[in-house]
Amino acid sequence: MQGVYEVWVEEDAELGATRCRLKVLVPPDAAEGAILFVHGGGFAFCSPETHERCARVLAIESGMPVVLPDYRLAPEDSFPAGLKDVVSALRSMFDVTASAGISRGPLLISGDSAGANLALAAMLHELAADRALPDGALLFYGNYARSFETPSYIRFSEGPGLTRAKMQRYWSFYAGEQAIEVHPLACPLLACDDALAALPPLHLMAAAVDPLLSDTLMLSERLKALGRDDELSIVPGVMHGFLQNTYELSAAREALAAAGRAARRLTGRI
């Protein structure tokens, strides 16, 4: 990296967002703009540091700075606390990262697993608030609904890796005492057609051996039915979370290289 920095987004009481740390990764010869990368971890685990390797590879492959928000986690802070922190970081991106040398320009949002949920929900939140949206999104093996009877949940209920029981526990952490299974900002697959149609271009990627595979497939199908042409990639032979294994796994490196190319396309650089 050309530079690694930490900056802070101040509390936004009106929005309901707390003061939030951002980790900023700037690759050599970085283009203008940035990618806000929301880490996964079942809404309850992980941090910018656990996902730094993945984010560094994405920064290099895209040629763009990547910024990771240290949003609030469940169960201590259930829905919508983490989402509000992500929205606040999205709104403040270029104001707070100027000190790290990031220039205003194209803005993408990205995330893996629960982070993909939060990234998609943040765009739906801003759409409902009639605020500016990012120029595009890179969404990796997201969980987009609190539904555990999809074909992939049934096929991979016992893993390998992620299991249905684990996902049920993570969703219960995120929900707390709330009925979030009917809330589109918690379960973006519930968003109305008009909202999904108004989203910026998406690059969707899923792992083939993953209880969450059907979530991405169902999202892609809804978008296609609306006449959209969003990119969809299903990586064969890998399980949930495989992008964390770029040292050992060529499929992880290739998937992030494809995401980097998608970022360049979405920002008009190829």
Protein backbone atom coordinates (compact mmCIF):
# COMPACT_ATOMS: atom_id res chain seq x y z
CA MET A 1 0.00 0.00 0.00
CA GLN A 2 1.06 3.54 -0.62
CA GLY A 3 -0.55 4.52 2.67
CA VAL A 4 -2.68 3.16 5.53
CA TYR A 5 -4.57 5.68 7.63
CA GLU A 6 -7.30 5.95 10.25
CA VAL A 7 -9.90 8.70 10.22
CA TRP A 8 -13.15 9.18 12.10
CA VAL A 9 -16.74 9.93 11.17
CA GLU A 10 -18.33 11.97 13.93
CA GLU A 11 -21.60 11.04 15.61
CA ASP A 12 -24.76 11.91 13.72
CA ALA A 13 -27.51 11.97 16.33
CA GLU A 14 -30.22 12.82 13.82
CA LEU A 15 -29.36 9.80 11.70
CA GLY A 16 -28.74 7.58 14.73
CA ALA A 17 -25.09 6.90 13.93
CA THR A 18 -22.28 6.81 16.45
CA ARG A 19 -18.71 8.06 16.07
CA CYS A 20 -17.06 5.53 13.77
CA ARG A 21 -13.47 4.70 12.87
CA LEU A 22 -12.57 4.23 9.21
CA LYS A 23 -9.49 2.33 8.04
CA VAL A 24 -8.21 3.79 4.78
CA LEU A 25 -6.05 1.77 2.37
CA VAL A 26 -4.52 3.74 -0.50
CA PRO A 27 -2.83 1.74 -3.28
CA PRO A 28 0.02 3.12 -5.40
CA ASP A 29 -1.11 5.52 -8.14
CA ALA A 30 -4.64 5.50 -6.77
CA ALA A 31 -7.42 6.78 -8.98
CA GLU A 32 -9.82 9.44 -7.81
CA GLY A 33 -12.75 8.26 -5.71
CA ALA A 34 -12.98 5.35 -3.29
CA ILE A 35 -14.63 2.06 -2.38
CA LEU A 36 -16.42 1.81 0.96
CA PHE A 37 -15.94 -1.84 1.94
CA VAL A 38 -18.24 -3.15 4.68
CA HIS A 39 -16.77 -6.22 6.37
CA GLY A 40 -18.82 -9.33 7.03
CA GLY A 41 -18.99 -11.47 10.13
CA GLY A 42 -22.62 -12.34 10.80
CA PHE A 43 -23.44 -8.80 11.95
CA ALA A 44 -21.66 -9.74 15.19
CA PHE A 45 -18.00 -10.44 14.50
CA CYS A 46 -14.89 -9.23 12.65
CA SER A 47 -13.48 -5.78 12.02
CA PRO A 48 -11.58 -3.74 9.43
CA GLU A 49 -8.48 -5.60 10.56
CA THR A 50 -9.86 -9.10 9.92
CA HIS A 51 -10.72 -8.06 6.37
CA GLU A 52 -7.67 -5.93 5.66
CA ARG A 53 -5.92 -8.50 3.47
CA CYS A 54 -9.00 -8.89 1.26
CA ALA A 55 -9.45 -5.12 1.10
CA ARG A 56 -5.79 -4.58 0.19
CA VAL A 57 -6.11 -6.97 -2.75
CA LEU A 58 -9.30 -5.21 -3.87
CA ALA A 59 -7.54 -1.84 -3.64
CA ILE A 60 -4.69 -3.03 -5.80
CA GLU A 61 -6.92 -4.76 -8.35
CA SER A 62 -9.32 -1.81 -8.64
CA GLY A 63 -6.65 0.88 -8.42
CA MET A 64 -8.89 2.71 -5.91
CA PRO A 65 -8.58 3.52 -2.21
CA VAL A 66 -10.62 1.16 -0.04
CA VAL A 67 -12.18 2.40 3.19
CA LEU A 68 -13.44 0.03 5.90
CA PRO A 69 -15.89 1.29 8.56
CA ASP A 70 -15.66 -0.13 12.09
CA TYR A 71 -19.44 -0.17 12.49
CA ARG A 72 -21.32 -1.29 15.63
CA LEU A 73 -21.91 -5.01 16.01
CA ALA A 74 -24.75 -7.15 17.32
CA PRO A 75 -25.96 -8.43 19.73
CA GLU A 76 -24.86 -5.44 21.81
CA ASP A 77 -26.08 -3.15 19.02
CA SER A 78 -28.81 -4.79 16.97
CA PHE A 79 -30.51 -3.55 13.79
CA PRO A 80 -30.33 -0.79 12.63
CA ALA A 81 -27.26 0.42 14.57
CA GLY A 82 -24.60 -0.98 12.25
CA LEU A 83 -26.56 0.09 9.19
CA LYS A 84 -26.77 3.67 10.45
CA ASP A 85 -22.99 3.75 10.95
CA VAL A 86 -22.45 2.51 7.39
CA VAL A 87 -24.84 5.13 6.02
CA SER A 88 -23.02 7.84 7.96
CA ALA A 89 -19.67 6.68 6.56
CA LEU A 90 -21.13 6.65 3.05
CA ARG A 91 -22.42 10.19 3.39
CA SER A 92 -19.18 11.50 4.91
CA MET A 93 -16.71 9.56 2.79
CA PHE A 94 -14.90 12.31 0.95
CA ASP A 95 -15.12 14.89 3.73
CA VAL A 96 -13.38 12.72 6.31
CA THR A 97 -10.84 11.00 4.04
CA ALA A 98 -9.41 14.13 2.44
CA SER A 99 -6.72 14.15 5.14
CA ALA A 100 -5.66 10.69 3.90
CA GLY A 101 -5.18 12.08 0.39
CA ILE A 102 -8.36 10.69 -1.16
CA SER A 103 -9.72 12.86 -3.94
CA ARG A 104 -13.41 13.26 -4.67
CA GLY A 105 -14.53 11.11 -7.53
CA PRO A 106 -16.50 7.96 -8.25
CA LEU A 107 -17.80 6.21 -5.14
CA LEU A 108 -18.53 2.49 -4.92
CA ILE A 109 -19.85 0.50 -2.00
CA SER A 110 -18.88 -3.10 -1.35
CA GLY A 111 -19.17 -5.80 1.26
CA ASP A 112 -19.03 -9.51 1.91
CA SER A 113 -21.70 -11.65 3.63
CA ALA A 114 -23.37 -9.50 6.29
CA GLY A 115 -21.36 -6.60 4.88
CA ALA A 116 -23.02 -7.12 1.50
CA ASN A 117 -26.39 -6.97 3.26
CA LEU A 118 -25.40 -3.69 4.92
CA ALA A 119 -24.03 -2.25 1.68
CA LEU A 120 -27.23 -3.05 -0.21
CA ALA A 121 -29.40 -1.84 2.68
CA ALA A 122 -27.41 1.42 2.85
CA MET A 123 -28.24 2.13 -0.78
CA LEU A 124 -31.94 1.39 -0.16
CA HIS A 125 -31.82 3.67 2.90
CA GLU A 126 -30.38 6.54 0.90
CA LEU A 127 -32.81 5.97 -1.95
CA ALA A 128 -35.73 6.28 0.47
CA ALA A 129 -34.15 9.42 1.92
CA ASP A 130 -33.81 10.90 -1.58
CA ARG A 131 -30.05 11.22 -1.18
CA ALA A 132 -27.24 10.55 -3.64
CA LEU A 133 -26.36 6.92 -4.29
CA PRO A 134 -22.94 5.42 -5.00
CA ASP A 135 -21.96 4.89 -8.62
CA GLY A 136 -22.10 1.13 -8.21
CA ALA A 137 -21.67 -1.76 -5.80
CA LEU A 138 -19.56 -4.91 -5.47
CA LEU A 139 -21.51 -7.44 -3.38
CA PHE A 140 -19.88 -10.72 -2.33
CA TYR A 141 -21.88 -13.77 -1.10
CA GLY A 142 -24.45 -11.66 0.72
CA ASN A 143 -27.26 -12.69 3.04
CA TYR A 144 -30.28 -10.76 1.88
CA ALA A 145 -33.24 -12.31 3.73
CA ARG A 146 -33.99 -14.05 7.02
CA SER A 147 -35.23 -17.20 5.33
CA PHE A 148 -33.65 -20.59 5.97
CA GLU A 149 -35.52 -22.88 3.56
CA THR A 150 -33.97 -21.84 0.26
CA PRO A 151 -32.43 -24.54 -1.97
CA SER A 152 -28.87 -23.71 -0.88
CA TYR A 153 -29.79 -23.56 2.82
CA ILE A 154 -31.26 -27.04 2.47
CA ARG A 155 -28.36 -28.44 0.43
CA PHE A 156 -25.59 -26.93 2.59
CA SER A 157 -27.38 -26.82 5.94
CA GLU A 158 -24.44 -28.58 7.60
CA GLY A 159 -21.72 -26.74 5.73
CA PRO A 160 -18.91 -27.11 4.93
CA GLY A 161 -17.96 -23.99 6.83
CA LEU A 162 -21.03 -21.84 7.29
CA THR A 163 -24.14 -23.73 8.44
CA ARG A 164 -27.84 -22.96 8.70
CA ALA A 165 -27.65 -23.10 12.50
CA LYS A 166 -24.88 -20.49 12.52
CA MET A 167 -26.86 -18.20 10.25
CA GLN A 168 -29.95 -18.57 12.44
CA ARG A 169 -27.89 -17.50 15.42
CA TYR A 170 -26.36 -14.54 13.59
CA TRP A 171 -29.76 -13.31 12.43
CA SER A 172 -31.10 -13.61 15.97
CA PHE A 173 -28.21 -11.44 17.17
CA TYR A 174 -29.00 -8.82 14.54
CA ALA A 175 -32.74 -8.87 15.16
CA GLY A 176 -32.76 -8.68 18.93
CA GLU A 177 -36.46 -8.52 19.83
CA GLN A 178 -37.47 -7.08 16.45
CA ALA A 179 -39.38 -8.73 13.62
CA ILE A 180 -36.78 -7.76 11.05
CA GLU A 181 -37.77 -10.54 8.64
CA VAL A 182 -40.42 -8.11 7.32
CA HIS A 183 -38.14 -5.06 7.13
CA PRO A 184 -36.55 -4.30 3.72
CA LEU A 185 -33.59 -2.50 5.30
CA ALA A 186 -32.75 -5.67 7.24
CA CYS A 187 -33.78 -8.08 4.49
CA PRO A 188 -33.15 -6.29 1.18
CA LEU A 189 -34.84 -9.02 -0.87
CA LEU A 190 -38.09 -7.55 0.47
CA ALA A 191 -37.42 -4.20 -1.22
CA CYS A 192 -40.06 -3.12 -3.71
CA ASP A 193 -39.47 -3.32 -7.46
CA ASP A 194 -39.15 0.45 -7.82
CA ALA A 195 -36.37 0.56 -5.22
CA LEU A 196 -34.41 -2.30 -6.76
CA ALA A 197 -34.83 -0.84 -10.24
CA ALA A 198 -33.39 2.49 -9.04
CA LEU A 199 -30.16 1.00 -7.67
CA PRO A 200 -26.84 1.73 -9.42
CA PRO A 201 -25.16 -1.10 -11.37
CA LEU A 202 -24.20 -4.10 -9.24
CA HIS A 203 -21.48 -6.73 -9.46
CA LEU A 204 -22.84 -9.81 -7.66
CA MET A 205 -20.57 -12.67 -6.68
CA ALA A 206 -21.44 -15.86 -4.79
CA ALA A 207 -19.69 -19.03 -3.67
CA ALA A 208 -21.09 -22.22 -5.16
CA VAL A 209 -20.81 -24.23 -1.91
CA ASP A 210 -22.60 -21.87 0.45
CA PRO A 211 -25.93 -21.79 2.30
CA LEU A 212 -26.25 -18.20 1.06
CA LEU A 213 -25.91 -19.01 -2.64
CA SER A 214 -29.67 -18.81 -3.20
CA ASP A 215 -29.78 -15.31 -1.69
CA THR A 216 -27.59 -13.98 -4.49
CA LEU A 217 -29.42 -16.01 -7.13
CA MET A 218 -32.80 -14.70 -5.96
CA LEU A 219 -31.53 -11.13 -5.94
CA SER A 220 -30.13 -11.57 -9.46
CA GLU A 221 -33.42 -13.03 -10.68
CA ARG A 222 -35.41 -10.11 -9.30
CA LEU A 223 -33.08 -7.62 -10.92
CA LYS A 224 -33.25 -9.41 -14.28
CA ALA A 225 -37.06 -9.44 -14.09
CA LEU A 226 -36.87 -5.65 -13.81
CA GLY A 227 -34.92 -5.43 -17.06
CA ARG A 228 -31.56 -4.77 -15.42
CA ASP A 229 -28.27 -6.23 -16.61
CA ASP A 230 -26.23 -6.61 -13.43
CA GLU A 231 -23.13 -8.79 -13.41
CA LEU A 232 -23.41 -12.19 -11.72
CA SER A 233 -20.53 -14.53 -10.98
CA ILE A 234 -20.83 -17.88 -9.19
CA VAL A 235 -17.38 -19.13 -8.20
CA PRO A 236 -17.31 -22.95 -8.44
CA GLY A 237 -15.90 -25.25 -5.79
CA VAL A 238 -15.53 -22.68 -3.00
CA MET A 239 -17.40 -22.10 0.24
CA HIS A 240 -18.60 -19.04 2.10
CA GLY A 241 -15.86 -16.61 3.12
CA PHE A 242 -13.32 -17.84 0.58
CA LEU A 243 -12.15 -14.29 -0.25
CA GLN A 244 -10.33 -14.33 3.09
CA ASN A 245 -7.91 -16.93 1.69
CA THR A 246 -6.04 -15.02 -1.00
CA TYR A 247 -2.68 -16.38 0.20
CA GLU A 248 -3.63 -20.01 -0.44
CA LEU A 249 -6.55 -19.93 -2.87
CA SER A 250 -6.20 -18.91 -6.50
CA ALA A 251 -9.99 -18.68 -6.82
CA ALA A 252 -10.00 -15.91 -4.20
CA ARG A 253 -7.33 -13.95 -6.04
CA GLU A 254 -9.13 -14.40 -9.36
CA ALA A 255 -12.49 -13.35 -7.88
CA LEU A 256 -10.99 -10.17 -6.46
CA ALA A 257 -9.26 -9.48 -9.76
CA ALA A 258 -12.68 -9.77 -11.43
CA ALA A 259 -14.14 -7.43 -8.81
CA GLY A 260 -11.34 -4.99 -9.51
CA ARG A 261 -12.15 -5.06 -13.22
CA ALA A 262 -15.81 -4.53 -12.38
CA ALA A 263 -14.85 -1.51 -10.27
CA ARG A 264 -12.94 -0.06 -13.20
CA ARG A 265 -15.93 -0.59 -15.48
CA LEU A 266 -18.38 0.91 -13.01
CA THR A 267 -16.19 4.00 -12.68
CA GLY A 268 -15.62 4.36 -16.42
CA ARG A 269 -11.91 3.53 -16.41
CA ILE A 270 -12.18 0.55 -18.83
